[in-house]
C-alpha atoms as a PDB file:
ATOM      1  CA  UNK A   1      15.920  28.107   8.384  1.00  0.00           C
ATOM      2  CA  UNK A   2      16.830  24.570   9.404  1.00  0.00           C
ATOM      3  CA  UNK A   3      14.659  21.459   9.123  1.00  0.00           C
ATOM      4  CA  UNK A   4      14.798  18.876  11.896  1.00  0.00           C
ATOM      5  CA  UNK A   5      13.404  15.351  11.706  1.00  0.00           C
ATOM      6  CA  UNK A   6      14.213  13.400  14.855  1.00  0.00           C
ATOM      7  CA  UNK A   7      17.989  13.400  15.219  1.00  0.00           C
ATOM      8  CA  UNK A   8      18.615  14.896  11.753  1.00  0.00           C
ATOM      9  CA  UNK A   9      18.995  18.624  11.064  1.00  0.00           C
ATOM     10  CA  UNK A  10      19.465  20.078   7.582  1.00  0.00           C
ATOM     11  CA  UNK A  11      20.526  23.595   6.696  1.00  0.00           C
ATOM     12  CA  UNK A  12      19.662  25.337   3.407  1.00  0.00           C
ATOM     13  CA  UNK A  13      21.655  23.977   0.474  1.00  0.00           C
ATOM     14  CA  UNK A  14      22.337  20.594   2.077  1.00  0.00           C
ATOM     15  CA  UNK A  15      21.333  16.953   1.982  1.00  0.00           C
ATOM     16  CA  UNK A  16      21.360  15.071   5.266  1.00  0.00           C
ATOM     17  CA  UNK A  17      20.758  11.342   5.666  1.00  0.00           C
ATOM     18  CA  UNK A  18      20.625   9.047   8.660  1.00  0.00           C
ATOM     19  CA  UNK A  19      18.813   6.435  10.690  1.00  0.00           C
ATOM     20  CA  UNK A  20      16.284   8.145  12.951  1.00  0.00           C
ATOM     21  CA  UNK A  21      15.348   6.255  16.129  1.00  0.00           C
ATOM     22  CA  UNK A  22      11.592   5.875  16.636  1.00  0.00           C
ATOM     23  CA  UNK A  23      10.290   4.395  19.887  1.00  0.00           C
ATOM     24  CA  UNK A  24       7.328   2.127  19.111  1.00  0.00           C
ATOM     25  CA  UNK A  25       6.939   0.711  22.593  1.00  0.00           C
ATOM     26  CA  UNK A  26       8.239  -2.840  22.301  1.00  0.00           C
ATOM     27  CA  UNK A  27      11.201  -1.788  20.150  1.00  0.00           C
ATOM     28  CA  UNK A  28      13.147   1.174  18.836  1.00  0.00           C
ATOM     29  CA  UNK A  29      13.120   1.304  15.055  1.00  0.00           C
ATOM     30  CA  UNK A  30      15.883   2.986  13.089  1.00  0.00           C
ATOM     31  CA  UNK A  31      14.112   4.595  10.155  1.00  0.00           C
ATOM     32  CA  UNK A  32      16.196   5.742   7.146  1.00  0.00           C
ATOM     33  CA  UNK A  33      15.412   9.398   6.440  1.00  0.00           C
ATOM     34  CA  UNK A  34      16.825  11.891   3.951  1.00  0.00           C
ATOM     35  CA  UNK A  35      16.286  15.652   4.012  1.00  0.00           C
ATOM     36  CA  UNK A  36      17.105  17.601   0.868  1.00  0.00           C
ATOM     37  CA  UNK A  37      17.026  21.256   1.905  1.00  0.00           C
ATOM     38  CA  UNK A  38      17.163  23.479  -1.155  1.00  0.00           C
ATOM     39  CA  UNK A  39      19.284  26.568  -1.445  1.00  0.00           C
ATOM     40  CA  UNK A  40      16.183  28.689  -2.101  1.00  0.00           C
ATOM     41  CA  UNK A  41      13.077  28.925   0.127  1.00  0.00           C
ATOM     42  CA  UNK A  42       9.913  27.266  -1.152  1.00  0.00           C
ATOM     43  CA  UNK A  43       7.380  24.507  -0.522  1.00  0.00           C
ATOM     44  CA  UNK A  44       8.026  21.431   1.582  1.00  0.00           C
ATOM     45  CA  UNK A  45       7.174  17.997   0.178  1.00  0.00           C
ATOM     46  CA  UNK A  46       7.092  14.866   2.332  1.00  0.00           C
ATOM     47  CA  UNK A  47       7.360  11.384   0.816  1.00  0.00           C
ATOM     48  CA  UNK A  48       7.328   7.845   2.147  1.00  0.00           C
ATOM     49  CA  UNK A  49       8.194   4.497   0.589  1.00  0.00           C
ATOM     50  CA  UNK A  50       8.175   1.034   2.093  1.00  0.00           C
ATOM     51  CA  UNK A  51       5.072   1.512   4.233  1.00  0.00           C
ATOM     52  CA  UNK A  52       4.749  -2.163   3.301  1.00  0.00           C
ATOM     53  CA  UNK A  53       8.195  -3.678   3.682  1.00  0.00           C
ATOM     54  CA  UNK A  54       8.229  -5.939   0.603  1.00  0.00           C
ATOM     55  CA  UNK A  55       7.151  -3.257  -1.888  1.00  0.00           C
ATOM     56  CA  UNK A  56      10.563  -2.920  -3.470  1.00  0.00           C
ATOM     57  CA  UNK A  57       9.957  -0.802  -6.578  1.00  0.00           C
ATOM     58  CA  UNK A  58       8.817   2.134  -4.462  1.00  0.00           C
ATOM     59  CA  UNK A  59      11.818   1.870  -2.137  1.00  0.00           C
ATOM     60  CA  UNK A  60      14.326   1.625  -4.987  1.00  0.00           C
ATOM     61  CA  UNK A  61      12.722   4.495  -6.928  1.00  0.00           C
ATOM     62  CA  UNK A  62      12.651   6.887  -3.978  1.00  0.00           C
ATOM     63  CA  UNK A  63      16.288   6.158  -3.128  1.00  0.00           C
ATOM     64  CA  UNK A  64      17.249   6.855  -6.741  1.00  0.00           C
ATOM     65  CA  UNK A  65      15.483  10.218  -6.833  1.00  0.00           C
ATOM     66  CA  UNK A  66      16.618  11.451  -3.421  1.00  0.00           C
ATOM     67  CA  UNK A  67      20.269  10.519  -3.905  1.00  0.00           C
ATOM     68  CA  UNK A  68      20.244  12.148  -7.342  1.00  0.00           C
ATOM     69  CA  UNK A  69      18.901  15.541  -6.255  1.00  0.00           C
ATOM     70  CA  UNK A  70      21.286  18.492  -6.092  1.00  0.00           C
ATOM     71  CA  UNK A  71      20.268  20.658  -3.108  1.00  0.00           C
ATOM     72  CA  UNK A  72      21.673  23.674  -4.938  1.00  0.00           C
ATOM     73  CA  UNK A  73      19.060  23.174  -7.674  1.00  0.00           C
ATOM     74  CA  UNK A  74      16.136  22.613  -5.299  1.00  0.00           C
ATOM     75  CA  UNK A  75      13.622  25.278  -4.292  1.00  0.00           C
ATOM     76  CA  UNK A  76      12.062  24.401  -0.951  1.00  0.00           C
ATOM     77  CA  UNK A  77      12.688  21.043   0.692  1.00  0.00           C
ATOM     78  CA  UNK A  78      12.032  17.324   0.521  1.00  0.00           C
ATOM     79  CA  UNK A  79      11.636  15.128   3.596  1.00  0.00           C
ATOM     80  CA  UNK A  80      11.905  11.493   2.516  1.00  0.00           C
ATOM     81  CA  UNK A  81      11.350   8.356   4.573  1.00  0.00           C
ATOM     82  CA  UNK A  82      13.166   5.786   2.464  1.00  0.00           C
ATOM     83  CA  UNK A  83      11.824   2.646   4.171  1.00  0.00           C
ATOM     84  CA  UNK A  84       8.956   3.517   6.487  1.00  0.00           C
ATOM     85  CA  UNK A  85       8.533   0.055   8.043  1.00  0.00           C
ATOM     86  CA  UNK A  86      12.071  -1.266   8.589  1.00  0.00           C
ATOM     87  CA  UNK A  87      10.941  -4.284  10.641  1.00  0.00           C
ATOM     88  CA  UNK A  88       8.661  -5.414   7.800  1.00  0.00           C
ATOM     89  CA  UNK A  89      11.454  -4.807   5.283  1.00  0.00           C
ATOM     90  CA  UNK A  90      13.929  -6.921   7.272  1.00  0.00           C
ATOM     91  CA  UNK A  91      11.393  -9.727   7.687  1.00  0.00           C
ATOM     92  CA  UNK A  92      10.303  -9.642   4.013  1.00  0.00           C
ATOM     93  CA  UNK A  93       6.795  -9.420   5.425  1.00  0.00           C
ATOM     94  CA  UNK A  94       3.769  -8.985   3.175  1.00  0.00           C
ATOM     95  CA  UNK A  95       0.911  -6.711   4.252  1.00  0.00           C
ATOM     96  CA  UNK A  96       1.778  -6.448   7.956  1.00  0.00           C
ATOM     97  CA  UNK A  97       4.328  -5.183  10.429  1.00  0.00           C
ATOM     98  CA  UNK A  98       5.767  -8.274  12.180  1.00  0.00           C
ATOM     99  CA  UNK A  99       6.015  -6.369  15.468  1.00  0.00           C
ATOM    100  CA  UNK A 100       2.246  -6.560  15.939  1.00  0.00           C
ATOM    101  CA  UNK A 101       0.728  -8.227  12.882  1.00  0.00           C
ATOM    102  CA  UNK A 102      -1.042  -5.036  11.774  1.00  0.00           C
ATOM    103  CA  UNK A 103      -1.182  -3.410   8.346  1.00  0.00           C
ATOM    104  CA  UNK A 104       0.603  -0.094   8.932  1.00  0.00           C
ATOM    105  CA  UNK A 105      -1.380   1.573   6.168  1.00  0.00           C
ATOM    106  CA  UNK A 106      -4.635   1.012   8.041  1.00  0.00           C
ATOM    107  CA  UNK A 107      -3.432   2.616  11.303  1.00  0.00           C
ATOM    108  CA  UNK A 108      -3.145   6.314  10.361  1.00  0.00           C
ATOM    109  CA  UNK A 109      -3.146   8.879  11.914  1.00  0.00           C
ATOM    110  CA  UNK A 110      -1.915   6.503  14.602  1.00  0.00           C
ATOM    111  CA  UNK A 111      -1.785   6.508  18.374  1.00  0.00           C
ATOM    112  CA  UNK A 112       1.260   7.549  20.400  1.00  0.00           C
ATOM    113  CA  UNK A 113       0.236   5.090  23.147  1.00  0.00           C
ATOM    114  CA  UNK A 114      -0.894   2.238  20.890  1.00  0.00           C
ATOM    115  CA  UNK A 115       0.704  -0.826  19.329  1.00  0.00           C
ATOM    116  CA  UNK A 116       4.012  -0.565  17.413  1.00  0.00           C
ATOM    117  CA  UNK A 117       2.277   0.077  14.064  1.00  0.00           C
ATOM    118  CA  UNK A 118      -0.012   2.677  15.611  1.00  0.00           C
ATOM    119  CA  UNK A 119       2.933   4.445  17.246  1.00  0.00           C
ATOM    120  CA  UNK A 120       4.894   4.396  13.993  1.00  0.00           C
ATOM    121  CA  UNK A 121       1.874   5.786  12.120  1.00  0.00           C
ATOM    122  CA  UNK A 122       1.586   8.558  14.724  1.00  0.00           C
ATOM    123  CA  UNK A 123       5.277   9.443  14.276  1.00  0.00           C
ATOM    124  CA  UNK A 124       4.980   9.521  10.501  1.00  0.00           C
ATOM    125  CA  UNK A 125       1.839  11.668  10.696  1.00  0.00           C
ATOM    126  CA  UNK A 126       3.067  14.200  13.237  1.00  0.00           C
ATOM    127  CA  UNK A 127       6.756  14.419  12.335  1.00  0.00           C
ATOM    128  CA  UNK A 128       6.874  13.755   8.577  1.00  0.00           C
ATOM    129  CA  UNK A 129       3.483  14.533   7.020  1.00  0.00           C
ATOM    130  CA  UNK A 130       2.348  17.429   9.219  1.00  0.00           C
ATOM    131  CA  UNK A 131       3.746  20.784   8.149  1.00  0.00           C
ATOM    132  CA  UNK A 132       4.180  19.748   4.524  1.00  0.00           C
ATOM    133  CA  UNK A 133       2.701  21.520   1.523  1.00  0.00           C
ATOM    134  CA  UNK A 134       2.252  18.215  -0.312  1.00  0.00           C
ATOM    135  CA  UNK A 135       2.659  14.531   0.512  1.00  0.00           C
ATOM    136  CA  UNK A 136       3.440  11.514  -1.687  1.00  0.00           C
ATOM    137  CA  UNK A 137       3.202   7.875  -0.608  1.00  0.00           C
ATOM    138  CA  UNK A 138       5.086   5.569  -2.990  1.00  0.00           C
ATOM    139  CA  UNK A 139       3.863   1.959  -3.171  1.00  0.00           C
ATOM    140  CA  UNK A 140       3.806  -1.050  -5.485  1.00  0.00           C
ATOM    141  CA  UNK A 141       2.216  -4.452  -5.409  1.00  0.00           C
ATOM    142  CA  UNK A 142       3.330  -6.480  -2.413  1.00  0.00           C
ATOM    143  CA  UNK A 143       5.534  -9.554  -2.812  1.00  0.00           C
ATOM    144  CA  UNK A 144       2.471 -11.616  -3.768  1.00  0.00           C
ATOM    145  CA  UNK A 145       0.740  -9.018  -5.961  1.00  0.00           C
ATOM    146  CA  UNK A 146       0.865  -7.869  -9.564  1.00  0.00           C
ATOM    147  CA  UNK A 147      -0.696  -4.550 -10.509  1.00  0.00           C
ATOM    148  CA  UNK A 148      -1.205  -2.050 -13.269  1.00  0.00           C
ATOM    149  CA  UNK A 149       0.352   1.363 -12.593  1.00  0.00           C
ATOM    150  CA  UNK A 150      -1.966   3.898 -10.987  1.00  0.00           C
ATOM    151  CA  UNK A 151      -2.236   6.865  -8.671  1.00  0.00           C
ATOM    152  CA  UNK A 152      -4.796   7.402  -5.938  1.00  0.00           C
ATOM    153  CA  UNK A 153      -6.152  10.513  -4.247  1.00  0.00           C
ATOM    154  CA  UNK A 154      -8.784  11.323  -1.631  1.00  0.00           C
ATOM    155  CA  UNK A 155     -12.063  13.122  -2.190  1.00  0.00           C
ATOM    156  CA  UNK A 156     -11.901  15.416   0.852  1.00  0.00           C
ATOM    157  CA  UNK A 157     -14.629  17.932   0.001  1.00  0.00           C
ATOM    158  CA  UNK A 158     -12.084  20.756   0.181  1.00  0.00           C
ATOM    159  CA  UNK A 159     -12.059  21.995  -3.422  1.00  0.00           C
ATOM    160  CA  UNK A 160      -8.600  23.554  -3.311  1.00  0.00           C
ATOM    161  CA  UNK A 161      -6.959  20.535  -1.651  1.00  0.00           C
ATOM    162  CA  UNK A 162      -8.700  18.104  -4.021  1.00  0.00           C
ATOM    163  CA  UNK A 163      -7.737  20.122  -7.094  1.00  0.00           C
ATOM    164  CA  UNK A 164      -4.107  20.259  -6.018  1.00  0.00           C
ATOM    165  CA  UNK A 165      -4.049  16.518  -5.248  1.00  0.00           C
ATOM    166  CA  UNK A 166      -5.442  15.783  -8.697  1.00  0.00           C
ATOM    167  CA  UNK A 167      -2.876  18.067 -10.315  1.00  0.00           C
ATOM    168  CA  UNK A 168      -0.052  16.187  -8.571  1.00  0.00           C
ATOM    169  CA  UNK A 169      -1.569  12.797  -9.461  1.00  0.00           C
ATOM    170  CA  UNK A 170      -1.864  13.758 -13.125  1.00  0.00           C
ATOM    171  CA  UNK A 171       1.738  14.978 -13.067  1.00  0.00           C
ATOM    172  CA  UNK A 172       2.770  11.482 -11.968  1.00  0.00           C
ATOM    173  CA  UNK A 173       1.620  10.350 -15.417  1.00  0.00           C
ATOM    174  CA  UNK A 174       0.545   6.794 -14.573  1.00  0.00           C
ATOM    175  CA  UNK A 175      -2.132   4.866 -16.471  1.00  0.00           C
ATOM    176  CA  UNK A 176      -5.071   5.168 -14.083  1.00  0.00           C
ATOM    177  CA  UNK A 177      -6.258   7.540 -11.367  1.00  0.00           C
ATOM    178  CA  UNK A 178      -8.400   6.182  -8.528  1.00  0.00           C
ATOM    179  CA  UNK A 179     -10.430   8.568  -6.382  1.00  0.00           C
ATOM    180  CA  UNK A 180     -12.044   7.645  -3.096  1.00  0.00           C
ATOM    181  CA  UNK A 181     -11.738   7.368   0.664  1.00  0.00           C
ATOM    182  CA  UNK A 182      -9.109   5.043   2.095  1.00  0.00           C
ATOM    183  CA  UNK A 183      -9.653   4.973   5.875  1.00  0.00           C
ATOM    184  CA  UNK A 184      -6.552   4.547   7.994  1.00  0.00           C
ATOM    185  CA  UNK A 185      -4.084   5.335   5.226  1.00  0.00           C
ATOM    186  CA  UNK A 186      -1.352   7.929   4.862  1.00  0.00           C
ATOM    187  CA  UNK A 187      -3.282   9.938   2.291  1.00  0.00           C
ATOM    188  CA  UNK A 188      -6.362  10.086   4.527  1.00  0.00           C
ATOM    189  CA  UNK A 189      -4.178  11.355   7.374  1.00  0.00           C
ATOM    190  CA  UNK A 190      -2.718  14.011   5.080  1.00  0.00           C
ATOM    191  CA  UNK A 191      -6.198  15.006   3.859  1.00  0.00           C
ATOM    192  CA  UNK A 192      -7.350  15.467   7.470  1.00  0.00           C
ATOM    193  CA  UNK A 193      -4.488  17.935   7.886  1.00  0.00           C
ATOM    194  CA  UNK A 194      -5.500  19.828   4.740  1.00  0.00           C
ATOM    195  CA  UNK A 195      -2.440  18.606   2.826  1.00  0.00           C
ATOM    196  CA  UNK A 196      -2.732  17.615  -0.856  1.00  0.00           C
ATOM    197  CA  UNK A 197      -1.617  14.003  -1.165  1.00  0.00           C
ATOM    198  CA  UNK A 198      -1.134  11.367  -3.816  1.00  0.00           C
ATOM    199  CA  UNK A 199      -0.486   7.617  -3.753  1.00  0.00           C
ATOM    200  CA  UNK A 200       1.690   6.168  -6.515  1.00  0.00           C
ATOM    201  CA  UNK A 201       1.741   2.440  -7.418  1.00  0.00           C
ATOM    202  CA  UNK A 202       4.118   0.787  -9.912  1.00  0.00           C
ATOM    203  CA  UNK A 203       5.247  -2.849 -10.143  1.00  0.00           C
ATOM    204  CA  UNK A 204       5.257  -5.610  -7.524  1.00  0.00           C
ATOM    205  CA  UNK A 205       5.787  -9.342  -6.934  1.00  0.00           C
ATOM    206  CA  UNK A 206       8.945  -8.844  -4.871  1.00  0.00           C
ATOM    207  CA  UNK A 207      10.893  -7.570  -7.878  1.00  0.00           C
ATOM    208  CA  UNK A 208      12.388  -4.213  -8.776  1.00  0.00           C
ATOM    209  CA  UNK A 209      13.187  -4.335 -12.504  1.00  0.00           C
ATOM    210  CA  UNK A 210      14.894  -1.274 -13.909  1.00  0.00           C
ATOM    211  CA  UNK A 211      11.935  -0.289 -16.105  1.00  0.00           C
ATOM    212  CA  UNK A 212       9.516  -0.233 -13.146  1.00  0.00           C
ATOM    213  CA  UNK A 213      11.943   1.702 -10.962  1.00  0.00           C
ATOM    214  CA  UNK A 214      12.476   4.194 -13.794  1.00  0.00           C
ATOM    215  CA  UNK A 215       8.704   4.651 -14.289  1.00  0.00           C
ATOM    216  CA  UNK A 216       8.096   5.271 -10.580  1.00  0.00           C
ATOM    217  CA  UNK A 217      11.108   7.573 -10.257  1.00  0.00           C
ATOM    218  CA  UNK A 218      10.157   9.602 -13.336  1.00  0.00           C
ATOM    219  CA  UNK A 219       6.620  10.034 -12.029  1.00  0.00           C
ATOM    220  CA  UNK A 220       7.864  11.242  -8.658  1.00  0.00           C
ATOM    221  CA  UNK A 221      10.250  13.685 -10.321  1.00  0.00           C
ATOM    222  CA  UNK A 222       7.298  15.109 -12.274  1.00  0.00           C
ATOM    223  CA  UNK A 223       5.436  15.534  -8.976  1.00  0.00           C
ATOM    224  CA  UNK A 224       8.410  17.421  -7.555  1.00  0.00           C
ATOM    225  CA  UNK A 225       8.376  19.664 -10.623  1.00  0.00           C
ATOM    226  CA  UNK A 226       4.626  20.246 -10.276  1.00  0.00           C
ATOM    227  CA  UNK A 227       5.124  21.028  -6.586  1.00  0.00           C
ATOM    228  CA  UNK A 228       7.739  23.654  -7.457  1.00  0.00           C
ATOM    229  CA  UNK A 229      10.855  21.973  -6.046  1.00  0.00           C
ATOM    230  CA  UNK A 230      12.711  21.273  -9.287  1.00  0.00           C
ATOM    231  CA  UNK A 231      12.673  22.746 -12.788  1.00  0.00           C
ATOM    232  CA  UNK A 232      13.351  19.674 -14.910  1.00  0.00           C
ATOM    233  CA  UNK A 233      11.708  16.243 -15.002  1.00  0.00           C
ATOM    234  CA  UNK A 234      11.088  13.511 -17.586  1.00  0.00           C
ATOM    235  CA  UNK A 235       8.158  14.100 -19.896  1.00  0.00           C
ATOM    236  CA  UNK A 236       4.983  12.166 -19.156  1.00  0.00           C
ATOM    237  CA  UNK A 237       4.026   9.119 -21.236  1.00  0.00           C
ATOM    238  CA  UNK A 238       1.845   9.771 -24.279  1.00  0.00           C
ATOM    239  CA  UNK A 239      -1.237   8.055 -22.817  1.00  0.00           C
ATOM    240  CA  UNK A 240      -3.950  10.045 -21.097  1.00  0.00           C
ATOM    241  CA  UNK A 241      -4.563   9.197 -17.444  1.00  0.00           C
ATOM    242  CA  UNK A 242      -7.970   7.529 -17.075  1.00  0.00           C
ATOM    243  CA  UNK A 243      -9.996   8.291 -13.948  1.00  0.00           C
ATOM    244  CA  UNK A 244     -11.661   5.350 -12.190  1.00  0.00           C
ATOM    245  CA  UNK A 245     -13.868   6.687  -9.381  1.00  0.00           C
ATOM    246  CA  UNK A 246     -15.212   3.390  -7.992  1.00  0.00           C
ATOM    247  CA  UNK A 247     -13.220   0.546  -6.477  1.00  0.00           C
ATOM    248  CA  UNK A 248     -14.114  -2.943  -5.232  1.00  0.00           C
ATOM    249  CA  UNK A 249     -11.830  -5.410  -3.483  1.00  0.00           C
ATOM    250  CA  UNK A 250     -12.561  -9.121  -3.757  1.00  0.00           C
ATOM    251  CA  UNK A 251     -11.438 -11.421  -0.921  1.00  0.00           C
ATOM    252  CA  UNK A 252     -11.311 -15.171  -0.529  1.00  0.00           C
ATOM    253  CA  UNK A 253     -13.827 -16.837   1.765  1.00  0.00           C
ATOM    254  CA  UNK A 254     -11.670 -19.940   2.231  1.00  0.00           C
ATOM    255  CA  UNK A 255      -8.117 -21.267   2.454  1.00  0.00           C
ATOM    256  CA  UNK A 256      -6.887 -22.952  -0.691  1.00  0.00           C
ATOM    257  CA  UNK A 257      -5.054 -22.673  -3.992  1.00  0.00           C
ATOM    258  CA  UNK A 258      -5.751 -19.566  -6.102  1.00  0.00           C
ATOM    259  CA  UNK A 259      -6.120 -19.930  -9.881  1.00  0.00           C
ATOM    260  CA  UNK A 260      -6.985 -16.530 -11.400  1.00  0.00           C
ATOM    261  CA  UNK A 261      -8.707 -16.410 -14.787  1.00  0.00           C
ATOM    262  CA  UNK A 262      -7.876 -12.740 -15.412  1.00  0.00           C
ATOM    263  CA  UNK A 263      -4.745 -10.632 -15.318  1.00  0.00           C
ATOM    264  CA  UNK A 264      -3.933  -7.051 -14.353  1.00  0.00           C
ATOM    265  CA  UNK A 265      -5.244  -4.489 -16.795  1.00  0.00           C
ATOM    266  CA  UNK A 266      -8.098  -6.705 -18.001  1.00  0.00           C
ATOM    267  CA  UNK A 267     -11.541  -5.110 -18.272  1.00  0.00           C
ATOM    268  CA  UNK A 268     -14.222  -7.391 -16.925  1.00  0.00           C
ATOM    269  CA  UNK A 269     -17.999  -7.184 -16.779  1.00  0.00           C
ATOM    270  CA  UNK A 270     -20.033  -7.638 -13.619  1.00  0.00           C
ATOM    271  CA  UNK A 271     -20.698 -11.327 -13.078  1.00  0.00           C
ATOM    272  CA  UNK A 272     -17.540 -12.508 -14.838  1.00  0.00           C
ATOM    273  CA  UNK A 273     -15.898 -15.428 -13.031  1.00  0.00           C
ATOM    274  CA  UNK A 274     -12.404 -14.152 -12.180  1.00  0.00           C
ATOM    275  CA  UNK A 275     -10.869 -17.435 -11.044  1.00  0.00           C
ATOM    276  CA  UNK A 276     -11.144 -20.395  -8.713  1.00  0.00           C
ATOM    277  CA  UNK A 277      -9.961 -21.254  -5.235  1.00  0.00           C
ATOM    278  CA  UNK A 278      -9.336 -25.003  -5.164  1.00  0.00           C
ATOM    279  CA  UNK A 279      -8.427 -27.494  -2.468  1.00  0.00           C
ATOM    280  CA  UNK A 280      -5.193 -29.503  -2.511  1.00  0.00           C
ATOM    281  CA  UNK A 281      -6.727 -32.077  -4.844  1.00  0.00           C
ATOM    282  CA  UNK A 282      -8.216 -29.667  -7.386  1.00  0.00           C
ATOM    283  CA  UNK A 283     -11.805 -29.581  -6.171  1.00  0.00           C
ATOM    284  CA  UNK A 284     -13.318 -26.109  -6.568  1.00  0.00           C
ATOM    285  CA  UNK A 285     -14.058 -24.445  -3.245  1.00  0.00           C
ATOM    286  CA  UNK A 286     -14.992 -21.024  -4.574  1.00  0.00           C
ATOM    287  CA  UNK A 287     -15.563 -19.482  -7.993  1.00  0.00           C
ATOM    288  CA  UNK A 288     -15.770 -15.706  -7.301  1.00  0.00           C
ATOM    289  CA  UNK A 289     -17.384 -13.360  -9.834  1.00  0.00           C
ATOM    290  CA  UNK A 290     -16.830  -9.667 -10.415  1.00  0.00           C
ATOM    291  CA  UNK A 291     -19.224  -7.462  -8.413  1.00  0.00           C
ATOM    292  CA  UNK A 292     -18.979  -4.603 -10.952  1.00  0.00           C
ATOM    293  CA  UNK A 293     -17.675  -3.661 -14.372  1.00  0.00           C
ATOM    294  CA  UNK A 294     -14.072  -2.550 -14.079  1.00  0.00           C
ATOM    295  CA  UNK A 295     -10.351  -2.837 -14.698  1.00  0.00           C
ATOM    296  CA  UNK A 296      -8.305  -5.373 -12.724  1.00  0.00           C
ATOM    297  CA  UNK A 297      -6.048  -2.974 -10.830  1.00  0.00           C
ATOM    298  CA  UNK A 298      -4.182  -5.531  -8.784  1.00  0.00           C
ATOM    299  CA  UNK A 299      -4.157  -9.302  -8.528  1.00  0.00           C
ATOM    300  CA  UNK A 300      -2.707 -11.682  -5.977  1.00  0.00           C
ATOM    301  CA  UNK A 301      -0.225 -13.799  -7.897  1.00  0.00           C
ATOM    302  CA  UNK A 302       0.615 -16.437  -5.303  1.00  0.00           C
ATOM    303  CA  UNK A 303      -0.859 -19.925  -5.438  1.00  0.00           C
ATOM    304  CA  UNK A 304      -1.421 -19.976  -1.677  1.00  0.00           C
ATOM    305  CA  UNK A 305      -4.610 -18.278  -0.523  1.00  0.00           C
ATOM    306  CA  UNK A 306      -6.000 -17.712   2.969  1.00  0.00           C
ATOM    307  CA  UNK A 307      -9.550 -16.900   3.973  1.00  0.00           C
ATOM    308  CA  UNK A 308      -9.957 -13.139   4.143  1.00  0.00           C
ATOM    309  CA  UNK A 309      -6.964 -12.366   1.934  1.00  0.00           C
ATOM    310  CA  UNK A 310      -7.419 -10.200  -1.170  1.00  0.00           C
ATOM    311  CA  UNK A 311      -7.912 -11.961  -4.497  1.00  0.00           C
ATOM    312  CA  UNK A 312      -7.903  -8.831  -6.662  1.00  0.00           C
ATOM    313  CA  UNK A 313      -9.280  -5.321  -6.896  1.00  0.00           C
ATOM    314  CA  UNK A 314     -11.428  -3.768  -9.605  1.00  0.00           C
ATOM    315  CA  UNK A 315     -11.826  -0.095 -10.398  1.00  0.00           C
ATOM    316  CA  UNK A 316     -14.209   1.486 -12.825  1.00  0.00           C
END
């Protein structure tokens, strides 16, 4: 049985790659896609990287895994979108798609008649995610963000889907597991389709050092093993994954210069001052404090800060 994604068709025992044209209204994107169609029938896994165009560790790790797979040793199939937002990648854009200024990962399941990001989200949902037995969305901190490695899953209320998502997340082997709703995201779209899904986050700050790429790639290979596509994968790190069920994002209320007083991985108590936003001359404009006890999961690492932008996120 063949697998077709846009203009690409893969037969059993083959790997097919190419740029798939996607009409998003004001432009036609050429999205890099790889299909690894195993020689034996089995489950289908879909995976995306580069939903945010400057999240380089995820893009590099997915390319490494996909190009290293032998279709003859794969059971089932893998449909991989190697850089899901090519316009954002080309523009080195943080957070948003430059075609419409929207965060692609807040537009799912999308709208076929909407803005470019909404149309792209609709294509990814209906063509890539739908019909899969499991879905993985590979991320990292954006160009202006540092983070501690973690996975994220939805709490859908469907016991079998939630259990399978957790199994895949634990197979990833990262330090923390976050559980909760994420409206408008890929994993929420997958959950609505009854598809187990996991988000993986490793690295950031516009870099793709070999150790971060290796960590992300090894985790994804373990997910593929847990999903039944491959037999061998790197062993998980010795640490036990810690579950953090509650999350809180902190945002700036003003433009200014961001001076954090914490770093990623720190545990802070509610009420702890986490930094200062200053004006150009050093006067303090804002001194935000933690709204809950938790671990600093990600932290904006740029000096420049805009009103409404994230400062950091806590999970606990």
